[in-house]
C-alpha cells in the first residue's frame, strides 16, 4: 500500500490513536534492505499489528500509552535493522489476521501460535517457542495438569486463541469433556480473563506459558498449576505470498539472531526458554 500524501498522514494518525498505540523513532542505518516504500503501509515505517494485552510479550505499562514487551521490542529491532521507523496498531486478537490481510499494517507480531488453519491464510516467520499453562489462585483446590482436568471447571480464555479452541474442543462430541463440559468464559483481552480469576469468578485462567509465568511473578496470590503443555512455535505473520515484505523481514530477523540482538531481548524479558534457535519442537 503506497500512502505518501498529507491526507494519509492524517488518516494514519487517526487509526493509530483509535487503536490505542503509536510509537515511532528515527530510522537508523539499514543493515539489510528494507521493503520498498510503495509496499509499506506508511512510507519509511514498519507498521506492526499486535494485540497489546498480553504481557510480557505486548502490553501497556501502567500509566503509559506506549506499547512495551518482547514482541514490541523485536518489532522495533526489525525496523531498525531495515533503517525504518516503527509504529504499532493495537488490534483485538480475534480480528488481527483479517486486519493484516486487509493491509491495516505490514506485519503482525502478537504471540500467535503457528497452526495449519492460520497458515492457510497467512505466512509465518517462526521467532519464538511457547507452551500453555493453567493459572489458578494460590489457595485453589482446582489444580489441573492436563487438558482433561478442565472438565466441569469454569475456565477463562482470550477470544481467538489456541487455548480457547482447545477448551471448547474438549466439549465436542468425542471430546474428553463431552459428558462433563468445561464452562468456557471468553474475554476480548487476556488481561480481562486474568482479572476474572483474581476476582474468584473462574477456576482457571488458560493462557500461554510465558504470560502465565509473568502473571504469577507480577501478582501475589496466583500460581501455575502443573507444567507447560502443548509447546509450539509462534510466528511473525505476513500476507500470503507477499515476498516484498516477507523477504526483508526474514533477512532482518536473521541479522538480529547473528548480531546478538535477539538473544539480548530474550534475556531482557526473561524469555530465554522461548529461543527459536534452540527449539526442538
C-alpha atoms as a PDB file:
ATOM      1  CA  UNK A   1       0.000   0.000   0.000  1.00  0.00           C
ATOM      2  CA  UNK A   2       1.558   3.275  -1.120  1.00  0.00           C
ATOM      3  CA  UNK A   3       0.405   6.148   1.096  1.00  0.00           C
ATOM      4  CA  UNK A   4       2.530   9.287   0.951  1.00  0.00           C
ATOM      5  CA  UNK A   5       0.086  12.194   0.774  1.00  0.00           C
ATOM      6  CA  UNK A   6      -0.761  14.576   3.582  1.00  0.00           C
ATOM      7  CA  UNK A   7      -4.269  13.137   3.769  1.00  0.00           C
ATOM      8  CA  UNK A   8      -2.736   9.725   4.530  1.00  0.00           C
ATOM      9  CA  UNK A   9      -0.679  11.216   7.341  1.00  0.00           C
ATOM     10  CA  UNK A  10      -3.888  12.431   8.954  1.00  0.00           C
ATOM     11  CA  UNK A  11      -5.529   9.071   8.367  1.00  0.00           C
ATOM     12  CA  UNK A  12      -2.737   7.002   9.855  1.00  0.00           C
ATOM     13  CA  UNK A  13      -2.598   9.244  12.917  1.00  0.00           C
ATOM     14  CA  UNK A  14      -6.321   8.674  13.434  1.00  0.00           C
ATOM     15  CA  UNK A  15      -6.054   4.894  13.002  1.00  0.00           C
ATOM     16  CA  UNK A  16      -3.192   4.542  15.432  1.00  0.00           C
ATOM     17  CA  UNK A  17      -4.779   6.812  18.025  1.00  0.00           C
ATOM     18  CA  UNK A  18      -8.085   4.977  17.771  1.00  0.00           C
ATOM     19  CA  UNK A  19      -6.394   1.619  18.177  1.00  0.00           C
ATOM     20  CA  UNK A  20      -4.549   2.813  21.253  1.00  0.00           C
ATOM     21  CA  UNK A  21      -0.873   2.573  20.424  1.00  0.00           C
ATOM     22  CA  UNK A  22       1.551   4.520  18.304  1.00  0.00           C
ATOM     23  CA  UNK A  23       5.315   4.608  18.520  1.00  0.00           C
ATOM     24  CA  UNK A  24       7.980   5.826  16.191  1.00  0.00           C
ATOM     25  CA  UNK A  25      11.606   6.772  16.239  1.00  0.00           C
ATOM     26  CA  UNK A  26      14.299   7.984  13.921  1.00  0.00           C
ATOM     27  CA  UNK A  27      15.290   5.465  11.304  1.00  0.00           C
ATOM     28  CA  UNK A  28      18.761   4.015  11.667  1.00  0.00           C
ATOM     29  CA  UNK A  29      21.310   2.872   9.149  1.00  0.00           C
ATOM     30  CA  UNK A  30      19.922  -0.099   7.278  1.00  0.00           C
ATOM     31  CA  UNK A  31      21.793  -3.347   7.921  1.00  0.00           C
ATOM     32  CA  UNK A  32      19.549  -5.168   5.436  1.00  0.00           C
ATOM     33  CA  UNK A  33      17.493  -3.809   2.549  1.00  0.00           C
ATOM     34  CA  UNK A  34      14.002  -2.639   3.613  1.00  0.00           C
ATOM     35  CA  UNK A  35      10.788  -3.229   1.662  1.00  0.00           C
ATOM     36  CA  UNK A  36      10.111  -0.575  -1.000  1.00  0.00           C
ATOM     37  CA  UNK A  37       8.146   2.402   0.312  1.00  0.00           C
ATOM     38  CA  UNK A  38       5.433   1.533  -2.183  1.00  0.00           C
ATOM     39  CA  UNK A  39       4.864  -1.764  -0.327  1.00  0.00           C
ATOM     40  CA  UNK A  40       4.701  -0.288   3.178  1.00  0.00           C
ATOM     41  CA  UNK A  41       1.550   0.876   4.941  1.00  0.00           C
ATOM     42  CA  UNK A  42       3.394   4.126   5.685  1.00  0.00           C
ATOM     43  CA  UNK A  43       6.493   5.038   3.686  1.00  0.00           C
ATOM     44  CA  UNK A  44       9.674   4.737   5.757  1.00  0.00           C
ATOM     45  CA  UNK A  45       7.887   2.927   8.591  1.00  0.00           C
ATOM     46  CA  UNK A  46       7.420  -0.707   9.551  1.00  0.00           C
ATOM     47  CA  UNK A  47       3.873  -0.823  10.919  1.00  0.00           C
ATOM     48  CA  UNK A  48       3.221  -3.672  13.353  1.00  0.00           C
ATOM     49  CA  UNK A  49      -0.145  -5.152  14.252  1.00  0.00           C
ATOM     50  CA  UNK A  50      -0.387  -6.510  17.796  1.00  0.00           C
ATOM     51  CA  UNK A  51      -2.996  -7.231  20.446  1.00  0.00           C
ATOM     52  CA  UNK A  52      -1.342  -5.197  23.186  1.00  0.00           C
ATOM     53  CA  UNK A  53      -2.847  -7.031  26.154  1.00  0.00           C
ATOM     54  CA  UNK A  54      -0.502  -9.981  26.593  1.00  0.00           C
ATOM     55  CA  UNK A  55       2.404  -9.268  28.961  1.00  0.00           C
ATOM     56  CA  UNK A  56       5.315  -9.848  28.802  1.00  0.00           C
ATOM     57  CA  UNK A  57       5.097 -10.053  25.003  1.00  0.00           C
ATOM     58  CA  UNK A  58       2.958  -6.986  24.359  1.00  0.00           C
ATOM     59  CA  UNK A  59       1.307  -4.705  26.897  1.00  0.00           C
ATOM     60  CA  UNK A  60       0.808  -1.140  28.042  1.00  0.00           C
ATOM     61  CA  UNK A  61       2.766  -0.381  31.224  1.00  0.00           C
ATOM     62  CA  UNK A  62       0.633   1.198  33.926  1.00  0.00           C
ATOM     63  CA  UNK A  63       0.095   4.871  33.140  1.00  0.00           C
ATOM     64  CA  UNK A  64       1.574   4.642  29.640  1.00  0.00           C
ATOM     65  CA  UNK A  65       0.043   4.661  26.178  1.00  0.00           C
ATOM     66  CA  UNK A  66       3.254   3.349  24.605  1.00  0.00           C
ATOM     67  CA  UNK A  67       3.288  -0.381  23.925  1.00  0.00           C
ATOM     68  CA  UNK A  68       6.052  -2.428  25.533  1.00  0.00           C
ATOM     69  CA  UNK A  69       7.136  -6.050  25.721  1.00  0.00           C
ATOM     70  CA  UNK A  70       9.310  -8.600  23.939  1.00  0.00           C
ATOM     71  CA  UNK A  71       7.316  -8.625  20.703  1.00  0.00           C
ATOM     72  CA  UNK A  72       7.251  -4.831  20.578  1.00  0.00           C
ATOM     73  CA  UNK A  73      10.996  -4.616  21.169  1.00  0.00           C
ATOM     74  CA  UNK A  74      11.549  -7.230  18.476  1.00  0.00           C
ATOM     75  CA  UNK A  75       9.433  -5.212  16.046  1.00  0.00           C
ATOM     76  CA  UNK A  76      11.446  -2.105  16.814  1.00  0.00           C
ATOM     77  CA  UNK A  77      14.672  -4.031  16.256  1.00  0.00           C
ATOM     78  CA  UNK A  78      13.423  -5.405  12.926  1.00  0.00           C
ATOM     79  CA  UNK A  79      12.550  -1.885  11.815  1.00  0.00           C
ATOM     80  CA  UNK A  80      15.938  -0.581  12.922  1.00  0.00           C
ATOM     81  CA  UNK A  81      17.755  -3.342  11.043  1.00  0.00           C
ATOM     82  CA  UNK A  82      15.992  -2.152   7.894  1.00  0.00           C
ATOM     83  CA  UNK A  83      16.629   1.525   8.604  1.00  0.00           C
ATOM     84  CA  UNK A  84      12.915   2.161   9.156  1.00  0.00           C
ATOM     85  CA  UNK A  85      10.808   3.889  11.773  1.00  0.00           C
ATOM     86  CA  UNK A  86       8.180   1.753  13.501  1.00  0.00           C
ATOM     87  CA  UNK A  87       4.553   2.093  14.550  1.00  0.00           C
ATOM     88  CA  UNK A  88       2.188  -0.196  16.437  1.00  0.00           C
ATOM     89  CA  UNK A  89      -1.505  -0.710  15.694  1.00  0.00           C
ATOM     90  CA  UNK A  90      -3.288  -2.247  18.699  1.00  0.00           C
ATOM     91  CA  UNK A  91      -5.763  -4.749  17.269  1.00  0.00           C
ATOM     92  CA  UNK A  92      -8.020  -7.318  19.015  1.00  0.00           C
ATOM     93  CA  UNK A  93      -6.569 -10.789  18.589  1.00  0.00           C
ATOM     94  CA  UNK A  94      -9.664 -12.387  17.101  1.00  0.00           C
ATOM     95  CA  UNK A  95      -9.577  -9.890  14.212  1.00  0.00           C
ATOM     96  CA  UNK A  96      -5.852  -9.495  13.750  1.00  0.00           C
ATOM     97  CA  UNK A  97      -5.397 -11.826  10.754  1.00  0.00           C
ATOM     98  CA  UNK A  98      -8.241 -10.194   8.786  1.00  0.00           C
ATOM     99  CA  UNK A  99      -6.729  -6.790   9.617  1.00  0.00           C
ATOM    100  CA  UNK A 100      -3.325  -7.934   8.323  1.00  0.00           C
ATOM    101  CA  UNK A 101      -4.858  -9.266   5.130  1.00  0.00           C
ATOM    102  CA  UNK A 102      -6.777  -6.004   4.700  1.00  0.00           C
ATOM    103  CA  UNK A 103      -3.427  -4.169   4.800  1.00  0.00           C
ATOM    104  CA  UNK A 104      -4.054  -2.278   8.043  1.00  0.00           C
ATOM    105  CA  UNK A 105      -0.376  -2.859   8.863  1.00  0.00           C
ATOM    106  CA  UNK A 106       2.694  -4.506   7.331  1.00  0.00           C
ATOM    107  CA  UNK A 107       3.320  -7.450   9.655  1.00  0.00           C
ATOM    108  CA  UNK A 108       1.776  -8.959  12.751  1.00  0.00           C
ATOM    109  CA  UNK A 109       3.738  -9.798  15.910  1.00  0.00           C
ATOM    110  CA  UNK A 110       1.381 -10.900  18.655  1.00  0.00           C
ATOM    111  CA  UNK A 111       2.420 -14.176  20.304  1.00  0.00           C
ATOM    112  CA  UNK A 112       0.492 -16.110  17.650  1.00  0.00           C
ATOM    113  CA  UNK A 113       0.943 -19.875  17.644  1.00  0.00           C
ATOM    114  CA  UNK A 114       1.547 -21.275  14.173  1.00  0.00           C
ATOM    115  CA  UNK A 115      -1.268 -23.653  13.228  1.00  0.00           C
ATOM    116  CA  UNK A 116      -2.327 -25.285   9.978  1.00  0.00           C
ATOM    117  CA  UNK A 117      -5.544 -23.262   9.912  1.00  0.00           C
ATOM    118  CA  UNK A 118      -3.718 -19.958  10.352  1.00  0.00           C
ATOM    119  CA  UNK A 119      -1.022 -20.965   7.862  1.00  0.00           C
ATOM    120  CA  UNK A 120      -3.741 -21.354   5.258  1.00  0.00           C
ATOM    121  CA  UNK A 121      -4.461 -17.618   5.434  1.00  0.00           C
ATOM    122  CA  UNK A 122      -1.063 -16.024   6.248  1.00  0.00           C
ATOM    123  CA  UNK A 123       2.615 -16.921   6.030  1.00  0.00           C
ATOM    124  CA  UNK A 124       4.710 -17.166   9.179  1.00  0.00           C
ATOM    125  CA  UNK A 125       8.302 -16.454  10.142  1.00  0.00           C
ATOM    126  CA  UNK A 126       8.904 -18.550  13.318  1.00  0.00           C
ATOM    127  CA  UNK A 127      10.501 -16.391  16.018  1.00  0.00           C
ATOM    128  CA  UNK A 128       9.634 -17.843  19.431  1.00  0.00           C
ATOM    129  CA  UNK A 129       8.534 -21.057  21.146  1.00  0.00           C
ATOM    130  CA  UNK A 130       5.869 -21.171  23.851  1.00  0.00           C
ATOM    131  CA  UNK A 131       3.591 -23.636  25.565  1.00  0.00           C
ATOM    132  CA  UNK A 132       0.398 -23.260  27.526  1.00  0.00           C
ATOM    133  CA  UNK A 133      -0.201 -23.129  31.278  1.00  0.00           C
ATOM    134  CA  UNK A 134      -3.007 -23.116  33.806  1.00  0.00           C
ATOM    135  CA  UNK A 135      -3.058 -20.195  36.248  1.00  0.00           C
ATOM    136  CA  UNK A 136      -5.037 -20.604  39.478  1.00  0.00           C
ATOM    137  CA  UNK A 137      -5.250 -18.788  42.792  1.00  0.00           C
ATOM    138  CA  UNK A 138      -2.723 -19.831  45.433  1.00  0.00           C
ATOM    139  CA  UNK A 139      -5.391 -21.402  47.645  1.00  0.00           C
ATOM    140  CA  UNK A 140      -7.251 -23.144  44.828  1.00  0.00           C
ATOM    141  CA  UNK A 141      -8.294 -26.765  45.161  1.00  0.00           C
ATOM    142  CA  UNK A 142      -8.623 -26.936  41.366  1.00  0.00           C
ATOM    143  CA  UNK A 143      -5.152 -27.965  40.182  1.00  0.00           C
ATOM    144  CA  UNK A 144      -5.203 -29.030  36.524  1.00  0.00           C
ATOM    145  CA  UNK A 145      -2.118 -30.569  34.959  1.00  0.00           C
ATOM    146  CA  UNK A 146      -3.615 -31.647  31.617  1.00  0.00           C
ATOM    147  CA  UNK A 147      -6.458 -30.546  29.370  1.00  0.00           C
ATOM    148  CA  UNK A 148      -8.874 -33.230  30.570  1.00  0.00           C
ATOM    149  CA  UNK A 149      -8.582 -31.827  34.100  1.00  0.00           C
ATOM    150  CA  UNK A 150     -10.638 -28.830  32.943  1.00  0.00           C
ATOM    151  CA  UNK A 151     -13.813 -30.931  32.685  1.00  0.00           C
ATOM    152  CA  UNK A 152     -16.547 -29.433  34.844  1.00  0.00           C
ATOM    153  CA  UNK A 153     -14.454 -26.361  35.668  1.00  0.00           C
ATOM    154  CA  UNK A 154     -15.001 -22.700  34.823  1.00  0.00           C
ATOM    155  CA  UNK A 155     -12.151 -21.606  32.544  1.00  0.00           C
ATOM    156  CA  UNK A 156     -11.278 -18.122  31.259  1.00  0.00           C
ATOM    157  CA  UNK A 157      -9.519 -17.675  27.905  1.00  0.00           C
ATOM    158  CA  UNK A 158      -8.987 -14.924  25.353  1.00  0.00           C
ATOM    159  CA  UNK A 159     -11.050 -14.826  22.179  1.00  0.00           C
ATOM    160  CA  UNK A 160      -9.302 -16.158  19.080  1.00  0.00           C
ATOM    161  CA  UNK A 161      -6.585 -18.061  20.952  1.00  0.00           C
ATOM    162  CA  UNK A 162      -5.466 -21.668  20.698  1.00  0.00           C
ATOM    163  CA  UNK A 163      -6.358 -22.045  24.375  1.00  0.00           C
ATOM    164  CA  UNK A 164      -9.956 -21.096  23.674  1.00  0.00           C
ATOM    165  CA  UNK A 165     -10.142 -23.529  20.761  1.00  0.00           C
ATOM    166  CA  UNK A 166      -8.725 -26.336  22.880  1.00  0.00           C
ATOM    167  CA  UNK A 167     -11.055 -25.667  25.815  1.00  0.00           C
ATOM    168  CA  UNK A 168     -14.076 -25.629  23.516  1.00  0.00           C
ATOM    169  CA  UNK A 169     -12.800 -28.731  21.725  1.00  0.00           C
ATOM    170  CA  UNK A 170     -12.955 -30.672  24.979  1.00  0.00           C
ATOM    171  CA  UNK A 171     -16.742 -30.249  24.906  1.00  0.00           C
ATOM    172  CA  UNK A 172     -17.177 -31.520  21.353  1.00  0.00           C
ATOM    173  CA  UNK A 173     -18.640 -34.931  20.579  1.00  0.00           C
ATOM    174  CA  UNK A 174     -15.969 -37.443  21.455  1.00  0.00           C
ATOM    175  CA  UNK A 175     -14.007 -34.854  23.437  1.00  0.00           C
ATOM    176  CA  UNK A 176     -12.643 -35.556  26.906  1.00  0.00           C
ATOM    177  CA  UNK A 177     -15.312 -33.362  28.490  1.00  0.00           C
ATOM    178  CA  UNK A 178     -18.269 -34.271  26.251  1.00  0.00           C
ATOM    179  CA  UNK A 179     -20.204 -35.587  29.251  1.00  0.00           C
ATOM    180  CA  UNK A 180     -18.937 -33.036  31.771  1.00  0.00           C
ATOM    181  CA  UNK A 181     -18.460 -29.780  29.919  1.00  0.00           C
ATOM    182  CA  UNK A 182     -15.835 -27.161  30.552  1.00  0.00           C
ATOM    183  CA  UNK A 183     -17.590 -23.884  31.355  1.00  0.00           C
ATOM    184  CA  UNK A 184     -15.631 -21.708  28.942  1.00  0.00           C
ATOM    185  CA  UNK A 185     -15.755 -17.958  29.560  1.00  0.00           C
ATOM    186  CA  UNK A 186     -14.388 -15.858  26.687  1.00  0.00           C
ATOM    187  CA  UNK A 187     -12.802 -12.421  27.001  1.00  0.00           C
ATOM    188  CA  UNK A 188     -11.684  -9.913  24.392  1.00  0.00           C
ATOM    189  CA  UNK A 189      -8.404  -9.359  26.240  1.00  0.00           C
ATOM    190  CA  UNK A 190      -6.231 -11.833  28.084  1.00  0.00           C
ATOM    191  CA  UNK A 191      -5.820  -9.338  30.913  1.00  0.00           C
ATOM    192  CA  UNK A 192      -9.608  -9.402  31.385  1.00  0.00           C
ATOM    193  CA  UNK A 193      -9.507 -13.180  31.736  1.00  0.00           C
ATOM    194  CA  UNK A 194      -6.845 -12.842  34.427  1.00  0.00           C
ATOM    195  CA  UNK A 195      -8.926 -10.234  36.247  1.00  0.00           C
ATOM    196  CA  UNK A 196     -11.832 -12.692  36.463  1.00  0.00           C
ATOM    197  CA  UNK A 197      -9.561 -15.282  38.061  1.00  0.00           C
ATOM    198  CA  UNK A 198      -8.348 -12.764  40.624  1.00  0.00           C
ATOM    199  CA  UNK A 199     -11.990 -11.919  41.458  1.00  0.00           C
ATOM    200  CA  UNK A 200     -12.729 -15.602  42.025  1.00  0.00           C
ATOM    201  CA  UNK A 201     -15.261 -15.746  39.183  1.00  0.00           C
ATOM    202  CA  UNK A 202     -13.474 -18.562  37.310  1.00  0.00           C
ATOM    203  CA  UNK A 203     -11.428 -21.570  38.404  1.00  0.00           C
ATOM    204  CA  UNK A 204      -8.626 -21.365  35.847  1.00  0.00           C
ATOM    205  CA  UNK A 205      -7.037 -18.855  33.505  1.00  0.00           C
ATOM    206  CA  UNK A 206      -5.788 -20.806  30.474  1.00  0.00           C
ATOM    207  CA  UNK A 207      -3.056 -18.895  28.632  1.00  0.00           C
ATOM    208  CA  UNK A 208       0.400 -19.086  27.040  1.00  0.00           C
ATOM    209  CA  UNK A 209       3.177 -20.239  29.351  1.00  0.00           C
ATOM    210  CA  UNK A 210       5.265 -17.011  29.179  1.00  0.00           C
ATOM    211  CA  UNK A 211       2.165 -15.000  30.039  1.00  0.00           C
ATOM    212  CA  UNK A 212       1.308 -17.330  32.907  1.00  0.00           C
ATOM    213  CA  UNK A 213       4.828 -17.095  34.323  1.00  0.00           C
ATOM    214  CA  UNK A 214       4.717 -13.298  34.098  1.00  0.00           C
ATOM    215  CA  UNK A 215       1.310 -13.128  35.791  1.00  0.00           C
ATOM    216  CA  UNK A 216       2.486 -15.232  38.709  1.00  0.00           C
ATOM    217  CA  UNK A 217       5.681 -13.207  39.004  1.00  0.00           C
ATOM    218  CA  UNK A 218       3.852  -9.881  38.979  1.00  0.00           C
ATOM    219  CA  UNK A 219       0.772 -10.757  41.047  1.00  0.00           C
ATOM    220  CA  UNK A 220       0.648 -12.225  44.541  1.00  0.00           C
ATOM    221  CA  UNK A 221      -1.944 -14.873  45.253  1.00  0.00           C
ATOM    222  CA  UNK A 222      -1.514 -16.744  41.961  1.00  0.00           C
ATOM    223  CA  UNK A 223       0.351 -19.863  40.889  1.00  0.00           C
ATOM    224  CA  UNK A 224       0.835 -22.053  37.841  1.00  0.00           C
ATOM    225  CA  UNK A 225      -0.787 -25.467  38.180  1.00  0.00           C
ATOM    226  CA  UNK A 226       1.184 -28.310  36.637  1.00  0.00           C
ATOM    227  CA  UNK A 227       3.820 -27.899  33.963  1.00  0.00           C
ATOM    228  CA  UNK A 228       3.895 -26.450  30.465  1.00  0.00           C
ATOM    229  CA  UNK A 229       1.791 -28.258  27.855  1.00  0.00           C
ATOM    230  CA  UNK A 230       1.283 -28.059  24.082  1.00  0.00           C
ATOM    231  CA  UNK A 231       4.644 -26.458  23.219  1.00  0.00           C
ATOM    232  CA  UNK A 232       4.655 -24.946  19.714  1.00  0.00           C
ATOM    233  CA  UNK A 233       6.351 -22.193  17.678  1.00  0.00           C
ATOM    234  CA  UNK A 234       4.937 -18.689  17.384  1.00  0.00           C
ATOM    235  CA  UNK A 235       5.314 -16.670  14.217  1.00  0.00           C
ATOM    236  CA  UNK A 236       5.567 -13.196  12.753  1.00  0.00           C
ATOM    237  CA  UNK A 237       2.721 -13.175  10.237  1.00  0.00           C
ATOM    238  CA  UNK A 238       2.808 -11.644   6.768  1.00  0.00           C
ATOM    239  CA  UNK A 239       0.276 -11.750   3.970  1.00  0.00           C
ATOM    240  CA  UNK A 240       0.310 -14.837   1.756  1.00  0.00           C
ATOM    241  CA  UNK A 241       2.970 -14.672  -0.949  1.00  0.00           C
ATOM    242  CA  UNK A 242       3.829 -11.048  -0.030  1.00  0.00           C
ATOM    243  CA  UNK A 243       7.542 -11.578  -0.632  1.00  0.00           C
ATOM    244  CA  UNK A 244       8.193  -7.837  -0.901  1.00  0.00           C
ATOM    245  CA  UNK A 245       7.517  -7.643   2.847  1.00  0.00           C
ATOM    246  CA  UNK A 246       8.399 -11.168   3.945  1.00  0.00           C
ATOM    247  CA  UNK A 247      11.895 -11.426   2.459  1.00  0.00           C
ATOM    248  CA  UNK A 248      13.265  -8.227   4.078  1.00  0.00           C
ATOM    249  CA  UNK A 249      11.696  -9.151   7.431  1.00  0.00           C
ATOM    250  CA  UNK A 250      13.272 -12.615   7.253  1.00  0.00           C
ATOM    251  CA  UNK A 251      16.633 -11.033   6.451  1.00  0.00           C
ATOM    252  CA  UNK A 252      16.268  -8.562   9.318  1.00  0.00           C
ATOM    253  CA  UNK A 253      15.400 -11.336  11.781  1.00  0.00           C
ATOM    254  CA  UNK A 254      18.412 -13.335  10.614  1.00  0.00           C
ATOM    255  CA  UNK A 255      20.540 -10.255  11.269  1.00  0.00           C
ATOM    256  CA  UNK A 256      19.137  -9.910  14.799  1.00  0.00           C
ATOM    257  CA  UNK A 257      19.998 -13.536  15.547  1.00  0.00           C
ATOM    258  CA  UNK A 258      23.518 -13.106  14.154  1.00  0.00           C
ATOM    259  CA  UNK A 259      24.382  -9.852  15.925  1.00  0.00           C
ATOM    260  CA  UNK A 260      23.041 -10.935  19.340  1.00  0.00           C
ATOM    261  CA  UNK A 261      20.069  -8.558  19.461  1.00  0.00           C
ATOM    262  CA  UNK A 262      17.565 -11.429  19.556  1.00  0.00           C
ATOM    263  CA  UNK A 263      19.347 -13.139  22.456  1.00  0.00           C
ATOM    264  CA  UNK A 264      19.587  -9.825  24.325  1.00  0.00           C
ATOM    265  CA  UNK A 265      15.844  -9.217  24.011  1.00  0.00           C
ATOM    266  CA  UNK A 266      15.044 -12.719  25.236  1.00  0.00           C
ATOM    267  CA  UNK A 267      17.273 -12.108  28.252  1.00  0.00           C
ATOM    268  CA  UNK A 268      15.741  -8.689  28.899  1.00  0.00           C
ATOM    269  CA  UNK A 269      12.251 -10.176  29.141  1.00  0.00           C
ATOM    270  CA  UNK A 270      13.329 -13.389  30.910  1.00  0.00           C
ATOM    271  CA  UNK A 271      12.168 -15.454  27.937  1.00  0.00           C
ATOM    272  CA  UNK A 272      15.307 -17.410  27.071  1.00  0.00           C
ATOM    273  CA  UNK A 273      13.326 -20.671  27.176  1.00  0.00           C
ATOM    274  CA  UNK A 274      11.474 -19.449  24.087  1.00  0.00           C
ATOM    275  CA  UNK A 275      14.600 -19.124  21.942  1.00  0.00           C
ATOM    276  CA  UNK A 276      13.556 -20.344  18.474  1.00  0.00           C
ATOM    277  CA  UNK A 277      17.164 -21.175  17.615  1.00  0.00           C
ATOM    278  CA  UNK A 278      17.167 -23.844  20.337  1.00  0.00           C
ATOM    279  CA  UNK A 279      13.708 -25.222  19.655  1.00  0.00           C
ATOM    280  CA  UNK A 280      13.304 -28.968  19.385  1.00  0.00           C
ATOM    281  CA  UNK A 281       9.587 -28.957  18.535  1.00  0.00           C
END
